[in-house]
Amino acid sequence: MSDEATNDLVDGALADEIELVSDLVVAASTSPRHFTPEEVDALLGITGAEVEVPSGREPAG
């Protein structure tokens, strides 16, 4: 496999997005109910999301 092909697999932004989705999946798996869109925003650390995050989870950031 060439170096060029290997480097194509490295993407910092994609890695950050995967980490956020992983955090969201973990939080969802520990919750007995569905999250509201506002709670999802808070878990993802989206600015302006002002809700209490269930299960003591801290928003990403």
N, C-alpha and C. Protein backbone atom coordinates (compact mmCIF):
# COMPACT_ATOMS: atom_id res chain seq x y z
N MET A 1 0.84 -1.18 0.00
CA MET A 1 0.00 0.00 0.00
C MET A 1 0.89 1.24 0.00
N SER A 2 0.61 2.18 -0.84
CA SER A 2 1.46 3.37 -0.94
C SER A 2 1.18 4.34 0.20
N ASP A 3 2.14 5.24 0.47
CA ASP A 3 1.96 6.25 1.50
C ASP A 3 0.77 7.16 1.19
N GLU A 4 0.58 7.45 -0.10
CA GLU A 4 -0.52 8.33 -0.49
C GLU A 4 -1.85 7.72 -0.08
N ALA A 5 -2.05 6.45 -0.32
CA ALA A 5 -3.30 5.79 0.04
C ALA A 5 -3.49 5.76 1.55
N THR A 6 -2.42 5.57 2.31
CA THR A 6 -2.50 5.55 3.77
C THR A 6 -2.89 6.93 4.30
N ASN A 7 -2.32 7.98 3.75
CA ASN A 7 -2.61 9.33 4.21
C ASN A 7 -4.05 9.73 3.93
N ASP A 8 -4.68 9.13 2.94
CA ASP A 8 -6.07 9.43 2.65
C ASP A 8 -6.98 9.04 3.80
N LEU A 9 -6.55 8.12 4.64
CA LEU A 9 -7.37 7.65 5.74
C LEU A 9 -7.26 8.52 6.99
N VAL A 10 -6.37 9.50 6.97
CA VAL A 10 -6.17 10.36 8.13
C VAL A 10 -6.91 11.66 7.88
N ASP A 11 -7.91 11.93 8.71
CA ASP A 11 -8.71 13.14 8.58
C ASP A 11 -9.10 13.57 9.98
N GLY A 12 -8.47 14.63 10.46
CA GLY A 12 -8.72 15.09 11.82
C GLY A 12 -10.16 15.47 12.07
N ALA A 13 -10.80 16.16 11.12
CA ALA A 13 -12.19 16.57 11.29
C ALA A 13 -13.10 15.35 11.37
N LEU A 14 -12.84 14.36 10.53
CA LEU A 14 -13.64 13.15 10.56
C LEU A 14 -13.46 12.41 11.89
N ALA A 15 -12.23 12.36 12.37
CA ALA A 15 -11.97 11.71 13.66
C ALA A 15 -12.72 12.42 14.78
N ASP A 16 -12.77 13.75 14.75
CA ASP A 16 -13.52 14.50 15.76
C ASP A 16 -15.01 14.19 15.68
N GLU A 17 -15.55 14.11 14.46
CA GLU A 17 -16.96 13.79 14.29
C GLU A 17 -17.28 12.39 14.79
N ILE A 18 -16.39 11.45 14.52
CA ILE A 18 -16.60 10.08 14.99
C ILE A 18 -16.61 10.05 16.52
N GLU A 19 -15.72 10.80 17.14
CA GLU A 19 -15.69 10.86 18.61
C GLU A 19 -16.98 11.44 19.16
N LEU A 20 -17.49 12.50 18.54
CA LEU A 20 -18.75 13.09 18.99
C LEU A 20 -19.91 12.10 18.86
N VAL A 21 -19.97 11.41 17.74
CA VAL A 21 -21.04 10.42 17.54
C VAL A 21 -20.90 9.30 18.57
N SER A 22 -19.67 8.88 18.84
CA SER A 22 -19.44 7.83 19.85
C SER A 22 -19.94 8.29 21.21
N ASP A 23 -19.62 9.53 21.58
CA ASP A 23 -20.10 10.07 22.86
C ASP A 23 -21.62 10.10 22.91
N LEU A 24 -22.23 10.46 21.80
CA LEU A 24 -23.69 10.51 21.73
C LEU A 24 -24.29 9.12 21.86
N VAL A 25 -23.70 8.14 21.22
CA VAL A 25 -24.19 6.76 21.30
C VAL A 25 -24.08 6.24 22.73
N VAL A 26 -22.97 6.51 23.39
CA VAL A 26 -22.80 6.07 24.78
C VAL A 26 -23.84 6.73 25.67
N ALA A 27 -24.04 8.03 25.51
CA ALA A 27 -25.03 8.73 26.32
C ALA A 27 -26.42 8.18 26.07
N ALA A 28 -26.75 7.93 24.81
CA ALA A 28 -28.07 7.40 24.47
C ALA A 28 -28.28 6.00 25.03
N SER A 29 -27.23 5.22 25.05
CA SER A 29 -27.37 3.84 25.53
C SER A 29 -27.59 3.78 27.04
N THR A 30 -27.28 4.85 27.75
CA THR A 30 -27.48 4.87 29.19
C THR A 30 -28.76 5.58 29.60
N SER A 31 -29.49 6.10 28.63
CA SER A 31 -30.71 6.85 28.92
C SER A 31 -31.94 5.96 28.70
N PRO A 32 -32.91 6.06 29.61
CA PRO A 32 -34.12 5.25 29.45
C PRO A 32 -35.12 5.83 28.44
N ARG A 33 -34.78 6.98 27.86
CA ARG A 33 -35.70 7.64 26.93
C ARG A 33 -34.93 8.27 25.78
N HIS A 34 -35.65 8.74 24.77
CA HIS A 34 -35.04 9.42 23.64
C HIS A 34 -34.63 10.83 24.06
N PHE A 35 -33.55 11.34 23.48
CA PHE A 35 -33.13 12.71 23.73
C PHE A 35 -33.93 13.67 22.86
N THR A 36 -34.17 14.85 23.39
CA THR A 36 -34.76 15.91 22.59
C THR A 36 -33.66 16.49 21.69
N PRO A 37 -34.03 17.18 20.64
CA PRO A 37 -33.00 17.82 19.81
C PRO A 37 -32.11 18.76 20.61
N GLU A 38 -32.68 19.45 21.59
CA GLU A 38 -31.89 20.35 22.41
C GLU A 38 -30.87 19.58 23.26
N GLU A 39 -31.24 18.42 23.76
CA GLU A 39 -30.31 17.60 24.54
C GLU A 39 -29.19 17.07 23.65
N VAL A 40 -29.51 16.70 22.43
CA VAL A 40 -28.48 16.25 21.48
C VAL A 40 -27.50 17.38 21.23
N ASP A 41 -28.02 18.58 21.01
CA ASP A 41 -27.15 19.75 20.80
C ASP A 41 -26.22 19.95 22.00
N ALA A 42 -26.77 19.84 23.20
CA ALA A 42 -25.95 20.03 24.41
C ALA A 42 -24.87 18.95 24.51
N LEU A 43 -25.23 17.70 24.22
CA LEU A 43 -24.25 16.61 24.26
C LEU A 43 -23.14 16.82 23.24
N LEU A 44 -23.48 17.41 22.10
CA LEU A 44 -22.49 17.65 21.06
C LEU A 44 -21.72 18.95 21.28
N GLY A 45 -22.12 19.71 22.29
CA GLY A 45 -21.41 20.94 22.59
C GLY A 45 -21.73 22.09 21.65
N ILE A 46 -22.92 22.05 21.06
CA ILE A 46 -23.31 23.11 20.14
C ILE A 46 -23.64 24.37 20.94
N THR A 47 -23.04 25.48 20.55
CA THR A 47 -23.22 26.75 21.24
C THR A 47 -24.69 27.14 21.26
N GLY A 48 -25.13 27.63 22.41
CA GLY A 48 -26.52 28.06 22.54
C GLY A 48 -27.43 26.98 23.08
N ALA A 49 -26.92 25.77 23.21
CA ALA A 49 -27.72 24.67 23.76
C ALA A 49 -27.68 24.79 25.28
N GLU A 50 -28.80 25.17 25.85
CA GLU A 50 -28.84 25.37 27.29
C GLU A 50 -29.87 24.44 27.92
N VAL A 51 -29.50 23.19 28.03
CA VAL A 51 -30.34 22.21 28.70
C VAL A 51 -29.45 21.40 29.63
N GLU A 52 -30.08 20.82 30.63
CA GLU A 52 -29.34 19.94 31.53
C GLU A 52 -29.15 18.61 30.84
N VAL A 53 -27.92 18.13 30.81
CA VAL A 53 -27.62 16.88 30.13
C VAL A 53 -27.94 15.73 31.08
N PRO A 54 -28.75 14.76 30.64
CA PRO A 54 -29.12 13.64 31.50
C PRO A 54 -27.94 12.79 31.92
N SER A 55 -28.10 12.07 32.99
CA SER A 55 -27.12 11.12 33.49
C SER A 55 -25.80 11.76 33.88
N GLY A 56 -25.80 13.04 34.19
CA GLY A 56 -24.58 13.70 34.63
C GLY A 56 -23.52 13.85 33.55
N ARG A 57 -23.86 13.64 32.29
CA ARG A 57 -22.90 13.77 31.19
C ARG A 57 -22.58 15.22 30.96
N GLU A 58 -21.35 15.50 30.67
CA GLU A 58 -20.93 16.85 30.33
C GLU A 58 -20.97 17.01 28.82
N PRO A 59 -21.38 18.18 28.34
CA PRO A 59 -21.35 18.41 26.90
C PRO A 59 -19.93 18.32 26.36
N ALA A 60 -19.81 17.88 25.12
CA ALA A 60 -18.49 17.81 24.48
C ALA A 60 -17.96 19.21 24.31
N GLY A 61 -16.65 19.32 24.30
CA GLY A 61 -16.16 20.66 24.09
C GLY A 61 -14.75 20.72 24.17
